Amino acid sequence: MRTPQPSKSPTPTTTRPSPAELASPRADLGEPKSVAEGIPTAVVPDPQQGDGRYPVAWLTICTPRGATPTARSTCLCGRERRAFGARQVLTLITDHEAHRDTCPLRAPQEGRTAA
């Protein structure tokens, strides 16, 4: 007859550290490097800097298939208009284009020297 095997085996004792314990630091490692050798670490200016221009007004038009078209005209000067329907959207487009000439942020100001 066979002797029954125990259901659990005893945990063997080892001299190795458990995975949760930290190992001692290796002496052959140098200081950590932030970048690869030979790569300059100086900060260089962004080559994509603009020419001083920036957006002032936005015209957003949405024309979903089978639905009513809508439009929104927004300007940094505080002007905001909305339109619903084809005719009103076309009118808003014309109004948005006309606002370019009258916007206080885009119109040349008195006393300002011409560039």
Protein backbone atom coordinates (compact mmCIF):
# COMPACT_ATOMS: atom_id res chain seq x y z
CA MET A 1 0.00 0.00 0.00
CA ARG A 2 1.07 3.52 -0.64
CA THR A 3 1.55 6.01 2.09
CA PRO A 4 -0.48 9.18 1.63
CA GLN A 5 1.44 12.30 0.61
CA PRO A 6 0.95 15.43 2.68
CA SER A 7 -1.29 17.98 0.94
CA LYS A 8 1.11 20.84 1.58
CA SER A 9 4.83 20.77 1.34
CA PRO A 10 6.91 22.58 3.95
CA THR A 11 8.48 25.85 2.82
CA PRO A 12 12.20 25.38 2.32
CA THR A 13 14.53 27.86 3.98
CA THR A 14 16.93 29.71 1.67
CA THR A 15 19.79 32.10 2.13
CA ARG A 16 18.76 34.21 -0.86
CA PRO A 17 16.97 37.53 -0.19
CA SER A 18 13.27 37.55 -0.89
CA PRO A 19 12.09 39.52 -3.93
CA ALA A 20 10.68 42.23 -1.67
CA GLU A 21 14.03 42.96 -0.06
CA LEU A 22 16.27 45.52 -1.69
CA ALA A 23 19.60 44.34 -2.95
CA SER A 24 22.72 46.24 -2.01
CA PRO A 25 23.85 48.76 -4.67
CA ARG A 26 26.48 47.57 -7.10
CA ALA A 27 29.83 49.30 -6.79
CA ASP A 28 30.56 49.21 -10.53
CA LEU A 29 27.75 51.61 -11.47
CA GLY A 30 28.55 55.29 -12.06
CA GLU A 31 26.33 58.30 -11.56
CA PRO A 32 23.01 58.11 -13.45
CA LYS A 33 23.00 60.10 -16.67
CA SER A 34 20.12 62.29 -17.76
CA VAL A 35 20.85 61.90 -21.48
CA ALA A 36 23.05 59.80 -23.68
CA GLU A 37 26.69 60.73 -24.01
CA GLY A 38 27.46 63.15 -26.80
CA ILE A 39 24.04 64.78 -26.73
CA PRO A 40 24.08 68.46 -25.73
CA THR A 41 21.88 69.30 -22.76
CA ALA A 42 21.57 73.02 -23.44
CA VAL A 43 18.05 74.29 -24.00
CA VAL A 44 17.66 75.64 -27.51
CA PRO A 45 14.96 78.12 -28.57
CA ASP A 46 11.88 76.72 -30.24
CA PRO A 47 12.51 76.80 -34.01
CA GLN A 48 8.75 77.10 -34.64
CA GLN A 49 8.30 80.48 -32.98
CA GLY A 50 5.72 82.56 -34.75
CA ASP A 51 6.12 85.86 -36.52
CA GLY A 52 4.06 87.74 -33.93
CA ARG A 53 0.69 86.99 -35.49
CA TYR A 54 -1.98 85.10 -33.58
CA PRO A 55 -5.64 84.24 -34.18
CA VAL A 56 -8.15 86.87 -33.06
CA ALA A 57 -11.46 85.66 -34.52
CA TRP A 58 -12.88 82.22 -35.30
CA LEU A 59 -15.73 81.15 -37.53
CA THR A 60 -17.03 77.63 -36.89
CA ILE A 61 -19.52 76.12 -39.33
CA CYS A 62 -21.25 72.78 -38.84
CA THR A 63 -23.31 71.27 -41.65
CA PRO A 64 -24.36 67.74 -40.71
CA ARG A 65 -26.03 65.70 -43.43
CA GLY A 66 -29.79 65.98 -43.20
CA ALA A 67 -29.74 68.47 -40.32
CA THR A 68 -29.88 72.23 -39.92
CA PRO A 69 -26.53 73.96 -40.52
CA THR A 70 -25.19 76.09 -37.68
CA ALA A 71 -22.38 78.63 -37.37
CA ARG A 72 -20.63 80.51 -34.58
CA SER A 73 -18.48 83.63 -34.91
CA THR A 74 -16.25 84.43 -31.93
CA CYS A 75 -13.71 87.25 -31.49
CA LEU A 76 -11.28 88.10 -28.69
CA CYS A 77 -12.82 91.58 -28.51
CA GLY A 78 -15.90 89.97 -26.93
CA ARG A 79 -18.11 89.68 -30.00
CA GLU A 80 -19.99 86.39 -30.31
CA ARG A 81 -22.72 85.58 -32.81
CA ARG A 82 -24.60 82.38 -33.69
CA ALA A 83 -26.72 81.40 -36.66
CA PHE A 84 -29.07 78.52 -37.39
CA GLY A 85 -30.28 77.64 -40.88
CA ALA A 86 -28.70 78.05 -44.30
CA ARG A 87 -29.64 81.71 -44.87
CA GLN A 88 -28.61 82.86 -41.40
CA VAL A 89 -25.30 80.99 -41.69
CA LEU A 90 -24.52 82.72 -45.00
CA THR A 91 -25.40 86.08 -43.44
CA LEU A 92 -23.14 85.34 -40.45
CA ILE A 93 -20.24 84.49 -42.77
CA THR A 94 -20.60 87.88 -44.46
CA ASP A 95 -20.90 89.60 -41.07
CA HIS A 96 -17.80 87.79 -39.77
CA GLU A 97 -15.78 88.94 -42.78
CA ALA A 98 -16.98 92.53 -42.28
CA HIS A 99 -16.00 92.43 -38.61
CA ARG A 100 -12.35 92.09 -39.65
CA ASP A 101 -12.30 95.75 -40.69
CA THR A 102 -14.12 97.07 -37.60
CA CYS A 103 -12.62 94.93 -34.82
CA PRO A 104 -10.74 97.10 -32.30
CA LEU A 105 -8.08 94.41 -31.93
CA ARG A 106 -7.30 94.35 -35.66
CA ALA A 107 -7.93 97.95 -36.73
CA PRO A 108 -4.86 100.22 -36.65
CA GLN A 109 -4.90 102.53 -33.65
CA GLU A 110 -4.15 106.26 -33.75
CA GLY A 111 -0.71 107.32 -32.61
CA ARG A 112 0.76 103.97 -33.48
CA THR A 113 3.74 104.10 -35.80
CA ALA A 114 3.52 102.11 -38.97
CA ALA A 115 5.92 99.23 -39.24
